[in-house]
Amino acid sequence: MKNFSKIDKQIINDLLQQDASDMPIITSYIKHYFKNNNVAIFSTNSREEVFILYQNQEYYKKAIKLIIDIISLLEFLEQEGYIYCIKIETNQSFIIYESSEIDVGITNNGSYTISNGRLEIENGTAKLYDLTNNLILSGSCCQKELTHKILCYFRCIVYPTETLKKLVQNNFETLEVISYKREIKEAKISRNFAWAALIISLFLPFGMTFFNNKFATTEITEYQYKEIIQKMEKLSESPNSINKNQIQSEDSTLKQK
């Protein structure tokens, strides 16, 4: 299950705000994340090399995290069918920093010029200078695996699908998460019913006994009624018979005397 971070949600919203009839390259609407973090990405034109430029080691860690977060998000969205990516086949150099529209040129000495400064590569290190020749950022070449990912996703046009729109409407909860929550809810309901049934089964005999003792009535048939009367009459006659026999016995005893 994918948990969308704050920056994930911001990038998705940025994507959905683009004109679908004229979708720009993705770096045009995510460039501000690099500027705000003092990070730049530069790709050469002669070789498939990508340089990550930063101010210091602390910013380098932020740069790597930012790049990995963006690539991870785009990979997930593409694999799950939320977006469709079309790679731009070009060998032109590009830099992601202040603007994706910065023109990159090459001087006679092999350095690169940009609209607001210049960039030099020497001994595997890229250095970005401003117009007053002040060093702004510097960095080294990426590993091949990361270079491939950057060239794949940062040089593409991303088209959102209707599924992505539904994802946003569902408060960034994927179908997997929604299904999981539904199963949890149904399991809780089943558990509550089971507990209720258990409690009822435990207390029902006591309740029925109390109810029968307090409110229940017993109906007897006419035959049963007559049978009860006859038995009661027999019981009432039995003491009289016993008394009569006792009296007769006592009279006989007195006469003998």
C-alpha atoms as a PDB file:
ATOM      1  CA  MET A   1       0.000   0.000   0.000  1.00  0.00           C
ATOM      2  CA  LYS A   2       1.269   3.427  -0.999  1.00  0.00           C
ATOM      3  CA  ASN A   3       1.339   6.236   1.536  1.00  0.00           C
ATOM      4  CA  PHE A   4       1.468   9.540  -0.283  1.00  0.00           C
ATOM      5  CA  SER A   5       3.717  12.179   1.253  1.00  0.00           C
ATOM      6  CA  LYS A   6       3.081  15.893   1.191  1.00  0.00           C
ATOM      7  CA  ILE A   7       5.344  16.408  -1.811  1.00  0.00           C
ATOM      8  CA  ASP A   8       3.691  13.452  -3.613  1.00  0.00           C
ATOM      9  CA  LYS A   9       0.309  15.119  -3.273  1.00  0.00           C
ATOM     10  CA  GLN A  10       1.710  18.464  -4.420  1.00  0.00           C
ATOM     11  CA  ILE A  11       3.261  16.938  -7.550  1.00  0.00           C
ATOM     12  CA  ILE A  12       0.044  15.093  -8.408  1.00  0.00           C
ATOM     13  CA  ASN A  13      -1.967  18.280  -8.011  1.00  0.00           C
ATOM     14  CA  ASP A  14       0.577  20.142 -10.169  1.00  0.00           C
ATOM     15  CA  LEU A  15       0.184  17.460 -12.824  1.00  0.00           C
ATOM     16  CA  LEU A  16      -3.615  17.642 -12.851  1.00  0.00           C
ATOM     17  CA  GLN A  17      -3.527  21.436 -13.245  1.00  0.00           C
ATOM     18  CA  GLN A  18      -1.702  21.219 -16.589  1.00  0.00           C
ATOM     19  CA  ASP A  19      -3.467  21.681 -19.908  1.00  0.00           C
ATOM     20  CA  ALA A  20      -4.143  18.150 -21.156  1.00  0.00           C
ATOM     21  CA  SER A  21      -4.282  19.343 -24.777  1.00  0.00           C
ATOM     22  CA  ASP A  22      -0.748  20.745 -24.561  1.00  0.00           C
ATOM     23  CA  MET A  23       1.079  18.886 -21.806  1.00  0.00           C
ATOM     24  CA  PRO A  24       4.542  20.284 -21.071  1.00  0.00           C
ATOM     25  CA  ILE A  25       7.584  18.238 -20.111  1.00  0.00           C
ATOM     26  CA  ILE A  26       7.357  17.274 -16.450  1.00  0.00           C
ATOM     27  CA  THR A  27      10.354  19.330 -15.342  1.00  0.00           C
ATOM     28  CA  SER A  28       8.527  22.532 -16.255  1.00  0.00           C
ATOM     29  CA  TYR A  29       6.147  22.199 -13.312  1.00  0.00           C
ATOM     30  CA  ILE A  30       8.401  20.509 -10.739  1.00  0.00           C
ATOM     31  CA  LYS A  31      11.424  22.795 -11.149  1.00  0.00           C
ATOM     32  CA  HIS A  32      10.494  24.893  -8.112  1.00  0.00           C
ATOM     33  CA  TYR A  33      11.152  21.905  -5.831  1.00  0.00           C
ATOM     34  CA  PHE A  34      14.800  22.014  -6.912  1.00  0.00           C
ATOM     35  CA  LYS A  35      15.110  25.770  -6.616  1.00  0.00           C
ATOM     36  CA  ASN A  36      13.619  25.785  -3.133  1.00  0.00           C
ATOM     37  CA  ASN A  37      16.071  23.095  -2.024  1.00  0.00           C
ATOM     38  CA  ASN A  38      19.143  24.679  -3.655  1.00  0.00           C
ATOM     39  CA  VAL A  39      19.521  21.691  -5.948  1.00  0.00           C
ATOM     40  CA  ALA A  40      20.116  21.423  -9.695  1.00  0.00           C
ATOM     41  CA  ILE A  41      20.271  18.568 -12.195  1.00  0.00           C
ATOM     42  CA  PHE A  42      22.366  18.874 -15.329  1.00  0.00           C
ATOM     43  CA  SER A  43      22.555  16.463 -18.259  1.00  0.00           C
ATOM     44  CA  THR A  44      25.270  16.659 -20.905  1.00  0.00           C
ATOM     45  CA  ASN A  45      24.585  16.256 -24.598  1.00  0.00           C
ATOM     46  CA  SER A  46      27.626  14.267 -25.679  1.00  0.00           C
ATOM     47  CA  ARG A  47      27.295  11.397 -23.215  1.00  0.00           C
ATOM     48  CA  GLU A  48      24.442  10.140 -21.082  1.00  0.00           C
ATOM     49  CA  GLU A  49      25.749  11.745 -17.939  1.00  0.00           C
ATOM     50  CA  VAL A  50      23.731  13.437 -15.224  1.00  0.00           C
ATOM     51  CA  PHE A  51      25.196  15.660 -12.531  1.00  0.00           C
ATOM     52  CA  ILE A  52      23.499  16.519  -9.241  1.00  0.00           C
ATOM     53  CA  LEU A  53      24.581  19.957  -8.044  1.00  0.00           C
ATOM     54  CA  TYR A  54      24.183  21.208  -4.477  1.00  0.00           C
ATOM     55  CA  GLN A  55      25.602  23.709  -1.999  1.00  0.00           C
ATOM     56  CA  ASN A  56      27.034  21.350   0.630  1.00  0.00           C
ATOM     57  CA  GLN A  57      26.756  17.784   1.919  1.00  0.00           C
ATOM     58  CA  GLU A  58      23.586  18.543   3.832  1.00  0.00           C
ATOM     59  CA  TYR A  59      21.902  19.777   0.655  1.00  0.00           C
ATOM     60  CA  TYR A  60      23.234  16.749  -1.217  1.00  0.00           C
ATOM     61  CA  LYS A  61      21.241  14.449   1.084  1.00  0.00           C
ATOM     62  CA  LYS A  62      18.167  16.583   0.446  1.00  0.00           C
ATOM     63  CA  ALA A  63      18.855  16.456  -3.281  1.00  0.00           C
ATOM     64  CA  ILE A  64      19.070  12.661  -3.380  1.00  0.00           C
ATOM     65  CA  LYS A  65      15.906  12.301  -1.303  1.00  0.00           C
ATOM     66  CA  LEU A  66      14.009  14.739  -3.520  1.00  0.00           C
ATOM     67  CA  ILE A  67      15.070  12.991  -6.734  1.00  0.00           C
ATOM     68  CA  ILE A  68      14.306   9.515  -5.363  1.00  0.00           C
ATOM     69  CA  ASP A  69      10.907  10.670  -4.078  1.00  0.00           C
ATOM     70  CA  ILE A  70       9.946  12.072  -7.481  1.00  0.00           C
ATOM     71  CA  ILE A  71      11.163   9.014  -9.411  1.00  0.00           C
ATOM     72  CA  SER A  72       9.508   6.633  -6.953  1.00  0.00           C
ATOM     73  CA  LEU A  73       6.202   8.481  -7.256  1.00  0.00           C
ATOM     74  CA  LEU A  74       6.274   8.519 -11.059  1.00  0.00           C
ATOM     75  CA  GLU A  75       7.216   4.831 -11.223  1.00  0.00           C
ATOM     76  CA  PHE A  76       4.350   3.887  -8.900  1.00  0.00           C
ATOM     77  CA  LEU A  77       1.808   6.011 -10.767  1.00  0.00           C
ATOM     78  CA  GLU A  78       2.910   4.567 -14.109  1.00  0.00           C
ATOM     79  CA  GLN A  79       2.888   0.947 -12.940  1.00  0.00           C
ATOM     80  CA  GLU A  80      -0.565   1.322 -11.375  1.00  0.00           C
ATOM     81  CA  GLY A  81      -2.008   2.972 -14.482  1.00  0.00           C
ATOM     82  CA  TYR A  82      -2.502   6.430 -12.962  1.00  0.00           C
ATOM     83  CA  ILE A  83      -0.301   8.157 -15.562  1.00  0.00           C
ATOM     84  CA  TYR A  84       1.038   7.534 -19.064  1.00  0.00           C
ATOM     85  CA  CYS A  85       4.625   8.639 -19.773  1.00  0.00           C
ATOM     86  CA  ILE A  86       6.023   9.502 -23.201  1.00  0.00           C
ATOM     87  CA  LYS A  87       9.788   9.883 -23.280  1.00  0.00           C
ATOM     88  CA  ILE A  88      11.236  12.744 -25.305  1.00  0.00           C
ATOM     89  CA  GLU A  89      13.988  11.351 -27.509  1.00  0.00           C
ATOM     90  CA  THR A  90      16.651  14.051 -27.562  1.00  0.00           C
ATOM     91  CA  ASN A  91      20.347  14.384 -26.906  1.00  0.00           C
ATOM     92  CA  GLN A  92      20.081  18.049 -26.022  1.00  0.00           C
ATOM     93  CA  SER A  93      21.603  19.155 -22.727  1.00  0.00           C
ATOM     94  CA  PHE A  94      19.227  20.329 -20.046  1.00  0.00           C
ATOM     95  CA  ILE A  95      19.421  21.808 -16.588  1.00  0.00           C
ATOM     96  CA  ILE A  96      16.712  21.777 -13.921  1.00  0.00           C
ATOM     97  CA  TYR A  97      17.111  24.652 -11.552  1.00  0.00           C
ATOM     98  CA  GLU A  98      15.411  28.008 -11.949  1.00  0.00           C
ATOM     99  CA  SER A  99      13.611  27.224 -15.170  1.00  0.00           C
ATOM    100  CA  SER A 100      13.363  24.260 -17.491  1.00  0.00           C
ATOM    101  CA  GLU A 101      13.406  26.715 -20.404  1.00  0.00           C
ATOM    102  CA  ILE A 102      16.986  27.792 -19.724  1.00  0.00           C
ATOM    103  CA  ASP A 103      18.990  27.527 -22.917  1.00  0.00           C
ATOM    104  CA  VAL A 104      22.182  25.553 -22.563  1.00  0.00           C
ATOM    105  CA  GLY A 105      25.003  26.265 -24.994  1.00  0.00           C
ATOM    106  CA  ILE A 106      28.563  25.024 -25.430  1.00  0.00           C
ATOM    107  CA  THR A 107      31.573  27.316 -25.662  1.00  0.00           C
ATOM    108  CA  ASN A 108      34.777  26.638 -27.554  1.00  0.00           C
ATOM    109  CA  ASN A 109      36.593  25.533 -24.400  1.00  0.00           C
ATOM    110  CA  GLY A 110      33.976  22.900 -23.633  1.00  0.00           C
ATOM    111  CA  SER A 111      32.079  24.740 -20.898  1.00  0.00           C
ATOM    112  CA  TYR A 112      28.313  25.225 -20.948  1.00  0.00           C
ATOM    113  CA  THR A 113      26.588  28.561 -20.989  1.00  0.00           C
ATOM    114  CA  ILE A 114      23.161  29.250 -19.579  1.00  0.00           C
ATOM    115  CA  SER A 115      21.008  32.345 -19.647  1.00  0.00           C
ATOM    116  CA  ASN A 116      21.982  33.413 -16.147  1.00  0.00           C
ATOM    117  CA  GLY A 117      25.505  32.066 -15.837  1.00  0.00           C
ATOM    118  CA  ARG A 118      27.783  29.257 -16.922  1.00  0.00           C
ATOM    119  CA  LEU A 119      28.512  25.673 -16.014  1.00  0.00           C
ATOM    120  CA  GLU A 120      31.861  23.923 -16.214  1.00  0.00           C
ATOM    121  CA  ILE A 121      32.733  20.237 -15.963  1.00  0.00           C
ATOM    122  CA  GLU A 122      36.234  19.372 -14.874  1.00  0.00           C
ATOM    123  CA  ASN A 123      37.597  16.071 -13.544  1.00  0.00           C
ATOM    124  CA  GLY A 124      34.118  14.636 -13.131  1.00  0.00           C
ATOM    125  CA  THR A 125      32.817  17.645 -11.167  1.00  0.00           C
ATOM    126  CA  ALA A 126      30.237  20.114 -12.463  1.00  0.00           C
ATOM    127  CA  LYS A 127      30.265  23.703 -11.183  1.00  0.00           C
ATOM    128  CA  LEU A 128      27.512  26.269 -11.692  1.00  0.00           C
ATOM    129  CA  TYR A 129      28.476  29.969 -11.654  1.00  0.00           C
ATOM    130  CA  ASP A 130      26.273  33.026 -11.802  1.00  0.00           C
ATOM    131  CA  LEU A 131      26.821  36.037 -14.084  1.00  0.00           C
ATOM    132  CA  THR A 132      29.290  37.572 -11.610  1.00  0.00           C
ATOM    133  CA  ASN A 133      31.363  34.387 -11.632  1.00  0.00           C
ATOM    134  CA  ASN A 134      30.328  33.370  -8.125  1.00  0.00           C
ATOM    135  CA  LEU A 135      30.107  29.630  -7.489  1.00  0.00           C
ATOM    136  CA  ILE A 136      26.483  28.711  -6.753  1.00  0.00           C
ATOM    137  CA  LEU A 137      26.341  24.924  -6.838  1.00  0.00           C
ATOM    138  CA  SER A 138      28.640  22.017  -7.587  1.00  0.00           C
ATOM    139  CA  GLY A 139      28.364  18.243  -7.759  1.00  0.00           C
ATOM    140  CA  SER A 140      29.521  14.981  -9.286  1.00  0.00           C
ATOM    141  CA  CYS A 141      28.143  12.560 -11.847  1.00  0.00           C
ATOM    142  CA  CYS A 142      25.361  10.177 -10.782  1.00  0.00           C
ATOM    143  CA  GLN A 143      25.599   6.415 -10.783  1.00  0.00           C
ATOM    144  CA  LYS A 144      24.446   4.732 -13.980  1.00  0.00           C
ATOM    145  CA  GLU A 145      21.257   3.314 -12.460  1.00  0.00           C
ATOM    146  CA  LEU A 146      20.135   6.692 -11.128  1.00  0.00           C
ATOM    147  CA  THR A 147      21.220   8.404 -14.360  1.00  0.00           C
ATOM    148  CA  HIS A 148      18.985   6.061 -16.360  1.00  0.00           C
ATOM    149  CA  LYS A 149      15.992   6.782 -14.119  1.00  0.00           C
ATOM    150  CA  ILE A 150      16.520  10.556 -14.308  1.00  0.00           C
ATOM    151  CA  LEU A 151      16.837  10.528 -18.102  1.00  0.00           C
ATOM    152  CA  CYS A 152      13.749   8.327 -18.342  1.00  0.00           C
ATOM    153  CA  TYR A 153      11.347  10.287 -16.132  1.00  0.00           C
ATOM    154  CA  PHE A 154      12.735  13.834 -16.212  1.00  0.00           C
ATOM    155  CA  ARG A 155      12.697  13.920 -20.011  1.00  0.00           C
ATOM    156  CA  CYS A 156       9.126  12.799 -20.517  1.00  0.00           C
ATOM    157  CA  ILE A 157       5.627  14.144 -20.913  1.00  0.00           C
ATOM    158  CA  VAL A 158       3.225  12.764 -18.316  1.00  0.00           C
ATOM    159  CA  TYR A 159      -0.477  12.368 -19.074  1.00  0.00           C
ATOM    160  CA  PRO A 160      -2.853  11.797 -16.153  1.00  0.00           C
ATOM    161  CA  THR A 161      -5.650   9.236 -16.411  1.00  0.00           C
ATOM    162  CA  GLU A 162      -9.163   9.321 -15.002  1.00  0.00           C
ATOM    163  CA  THR A 163      -7.981   6.876 -12.347  1.00  0.00           C
ATOM    164  CA  LEU A 164      -5.580   9.523 -11.044  1.00  0.00           C
ATOM    165  CA  LYS A 165      -8.425  12.013 -10.766  1.00  0.00           C
ATOM    166  CA  LYS A 166     -10.441   9.472  -8.780  1.00  0.00           C
ATOM    167  CA  LEU A 167      -7.426   8.910  -6.553  1.00  0.00           C
ATOM    168  CA  VAL A 168      -7.418  12.602  -5.645  1.00  0.00           C
ATOM    169  CA  GLN A 169     -11.192  12.577  -5.161  1.00  0.00           C
ATOM    170  CA  ASN A 170     -10.764   9.650  -2.733  1.00  0.00           C
ATOM    171  CA  ASN A 171      -8.337  11.734  -0.660  1.00  0.00           C
ATOM    172  CA  PHE A 172      -5.306   9.911  -2.120  1.00  0.00           C
ATOM    173  CA  GLU A 173      -6.503   6.502  -0.991  1.00  0.00           C
ATOM    174  CA  THR A 174      -5.800   3.760  -3.521  1.00  0.00           C
ATOM    175  CA  LEU A 175      -8.346   1.078  -4.380  1.00  0.00           C
ATOM    176  CA  GLU A 176      -6.237  -1.329  -2.341  1.00  0.00           C
ATOM    177  CA  VAL A 177      -6.474   0.896   0.737  1.00  0.00           C
ATOM    178  CA  ILE A 178     -10.214   1.450   0.243  1.00  0.00           C
ATOM    179  CA  SER A 179     -10.756  -2.321  -0.108  1.00  0.00           C
ATOM    180  CA  TYR A 180      -8.635  -2.968   2.990  1.00  0.00           C
ATOM    181  CA  LYS A 181     -10.609  -0.446   5.051  1.00  0.00           C
ATOM    182  CA  ARG A 182     -13.875  -1.996   3.864  1.00  0.00           C
ATOM    183  CA  GLU A 183     -12.683  -5.444   4.938  1.00  0.00           C
ATOM    184  CA  ILE A 184     -11.651  -4.096   8.349  1.00  0.00           C
ATOM    185  CA  LYS A 185     -15.041  -2.434   8.773  1.00  0.00           C
ATOM    186  CA  GLU A 186     -16.898  -5.618   7.824  1.00  0.00           C
ATOM    187  CA  ALA A 187     -14.701  -7.646  10.182  1.00  0.00           C
ATOM    188  CA  LYS A 188     -15.508  -5.255  13.048  1.00  0.00           C
ATOM    189  CA  ILE A 189     -19.232  -5.528  12.321  1.00  0.00           C
ATOM    190  CA  SER A 190     -19.009  -9.344  12.276  1.00  0.00           C
ATOM    191  CA  ARG A 191     -17.074  -9.305  15.541  1.00  0.00           C
ATOM    192  CA  ASN A 192     -19.669  -7.050  17.177  1.00  0.00           C
ATOM    193  CA  PHE A 193     -22.484  -9.352  16.050  1.00  0.00           C
ATOM    194  CA  ALA A 194     -20.603 -12.355  17.437  1.00  0.00           C
ATOM    195  CA  TRP A 195     -20.129 -10.669  20.802  1.00  0.00           C
ATOM    196  CA  ALA A 196     -23.798  -9.659  20.882  1.00  0.00           C
ATOM    197  CA  ALA A 197     -24.888 -13.212  20.096  1.00  0.00           C
ATOM    198  CA  LEU A 198     -22.634 -14.594  22.820  1.00  0.00           C
ATOM    199  CA  ILE A 199     -23.947 -12.163  25.431  1.00  0.00           C
ATOM    200  CA  ILE A 200     -27.554 -12.898  24.473  1.00  0.00           C
ATOM    201  CA  SER A 201     -26.973 -16.664  24.655  1.00  0.00           C
ATOM    202  CA  LEU A 202     -25.499 -16.298  28.153  1.00  0.00           C
ATOM    203  CA  PHE A 203     -28.254 -14.140  29.625  1.00  0.00           C
ATOM    204  CA  LEU A 204     -31.267 -15.453  27.701  1.00  0.00           C
ATOM    205  CA  PRO A 205     -32.019 -18.413  30.081  1.00  0.00           C
ATOM    206  CA  PHE A 206     -31.989 -16.108  33.105  1.00  0.00           C
ATOM    207  CA  GLY A 207     -34.187 -13.607  31.347  1.00  0.00           C
ATOM    208  CA  MET A 208     -36.692 -16.233  30.227  1.00  0.00           C
ATOM    209  CA  THR A 209     -36.911 -17.661  33.752  1.00  0.00           C
ATOM    210  CA  PHE A 210     -37.529 -14.229  35.241  1.00  0.00           C
ATOM    211  CA  PHE A 211     -40.109 -13.402  32.579  1.00  0.00           C
ATOM    212  CA  ASN A 212     -41.980 -16.674  33.025  1.00  0.00           C
ATOM    213  CA  ASN A 213     -42.071 -16.329  36.796  1.00  0.00           C
ATOM    214  CA  LYS A 214     -43.314 -12.774  36.674  1.00  0.00           C
ATOM    215  CA  PHE A 215     -45.572 -12.553  33.644  1.00  0.00           C
ATOM    216  CA  ALA A 216     -46.293 -16.026  32.288  1.00  0.00           C
ATOM    217  CA  THR A 217     -49.747 -17.650  32.703  1.00  0.00           C
ATOM    218  CA  THR A 218     -50.690 -21.330  32.448  1.00  0.00           C
ATOM    219  CA  GLU A 219     -53.845 -22.480  30.742  1.00  0.00           C
ATOM    220  CA  ILE A 220     -55.527 -25.840  31.570  1.00  0.00           C
ATOM    221  CA  THR A 221     -58.213 -27.712  29.663  1.00  0.00           C
ATOM    222  CA  GLU A 222     -61.634 -28.590  31.006  1.00  0.00           C
ATOM    223  CA  TYR A 223     -60.611 -32.226  31.308  1.00  0.00           C
ATOM    224  CA  GLN A 224     -57.560 -31.284  33.376  1.00  0.00           C
ATOM    225  CA  TYR A 225     -59.730 -29.022  35.527  1.00  0.00           C
ATOM    226  CA  LYS A 226     -62.231 -31.829  36.291  1.00  0.00           C
ATOM    227  CA  GLU A 227     -59.414 -34.250  37.057  1.00  0.00           C
ATOM    228  CA  ILE A 228     -57.912 -31.805  39.531  1.00  0.00           C
ATOM    229  CA  ILE A 229     -61.299 -31.326  41.252  1.00  0.00           C
ATOM    230  CA  GLN A 230     -61.790 -35.068  41.576  1.00  0.00           C
ATOM    231  CA  LYS A 231     -58.384 -35.532  43.125  1.00  0.00           C
ATOM    232  CA  MET A 232     -59.010 -32.693  45.540  1.00  0.00           C
ATOM    233  CA  GLU A 233     -62.362 -34.287  46.557  1.00  0.00           C
ATOM    234  CA  LYS A 234     -60.655 -37.602  47.183  1.00  0.00           C
ATOM    235  CA  LEU A 235     -58.067 -35.882  49.315  1.00  0.00           C
ATOM    236  CA  SER A 236     -60.812 -34.137  51.306  1.00  0.00           C
ATOM    237  CA  GLU A 237     -62.645 -37.456  51.864  1.00  0.00           C
ATOM    238  CA  SER A 238     -59.570 -39.280  53.092  1.00  0.00           C
ATOM    239  CA  PRO A 239     -59.307 -37.447  56.445  1.00  0.00           C
ATOM    240  CA  ASN A 240     -63.041 -38.089  57.141  1.00  0.00           C
ATOM    241  CA  SER A 241     -62.556 -41.798  56.548  1.00  0.00           C
ATOM    242  CA  ILE A 242     -59.567 -41.844  58.816  1.00  0.00           C
ATOM    243  CA  ASN A 243     -61.492 -40.034  61.620  1.00  0.00           C
ATOM    244  CA  LYS A 244     -64.499 -42.359  61.286  1.00  0.00           C
ATOM    245  CA  ASN A 245     -62.306 -45.435  61.621  1.00  0.00           C
ATOM    246  CA  GLN A 246     -60.604 -43.977  64.644  1.00  0.00           C
ATOM    247  CA  ILE A 247     -63.982 -43.297  66.339  1.00  0.00           C
ATOM    248  CA  GLN A 248     -65.256 -46.826  65.626  1.00  0.00           C
ATOM    249  CA  SER A 249     -62.047 -48.309  67.052  1.00  0.00           C
ATOM    250  CA  GLU A 250     -62.341 -46.269  70.218  1.00  0.00           C
ATOM    251  CA  ASP A 251     -66.029 -47.333  70.707  1.00  0.00           C
ATOM    252  CA  SER A 252     -65.110 -50.983  70.388  1.00  0.00           C
ATOM    253  CA  THR A 253     -62.406 -50.619  72.993  1.00  0.00           C
ATOM    254  CA  LEU A 254     -64.798 -49.007  75.508  1.00  0.00           C
ATOM    255  CA  LYS A 255     -67.458 -51.710  75.070  1.00  0.00           C
ATOM    256  CA  GLN A 256     -64.927 -54.440  75.729  1.00  0.00           C
ATOM    257  CA  LYS A 257     -64.000 -52.766  78.968  1.00  0.00           C
END
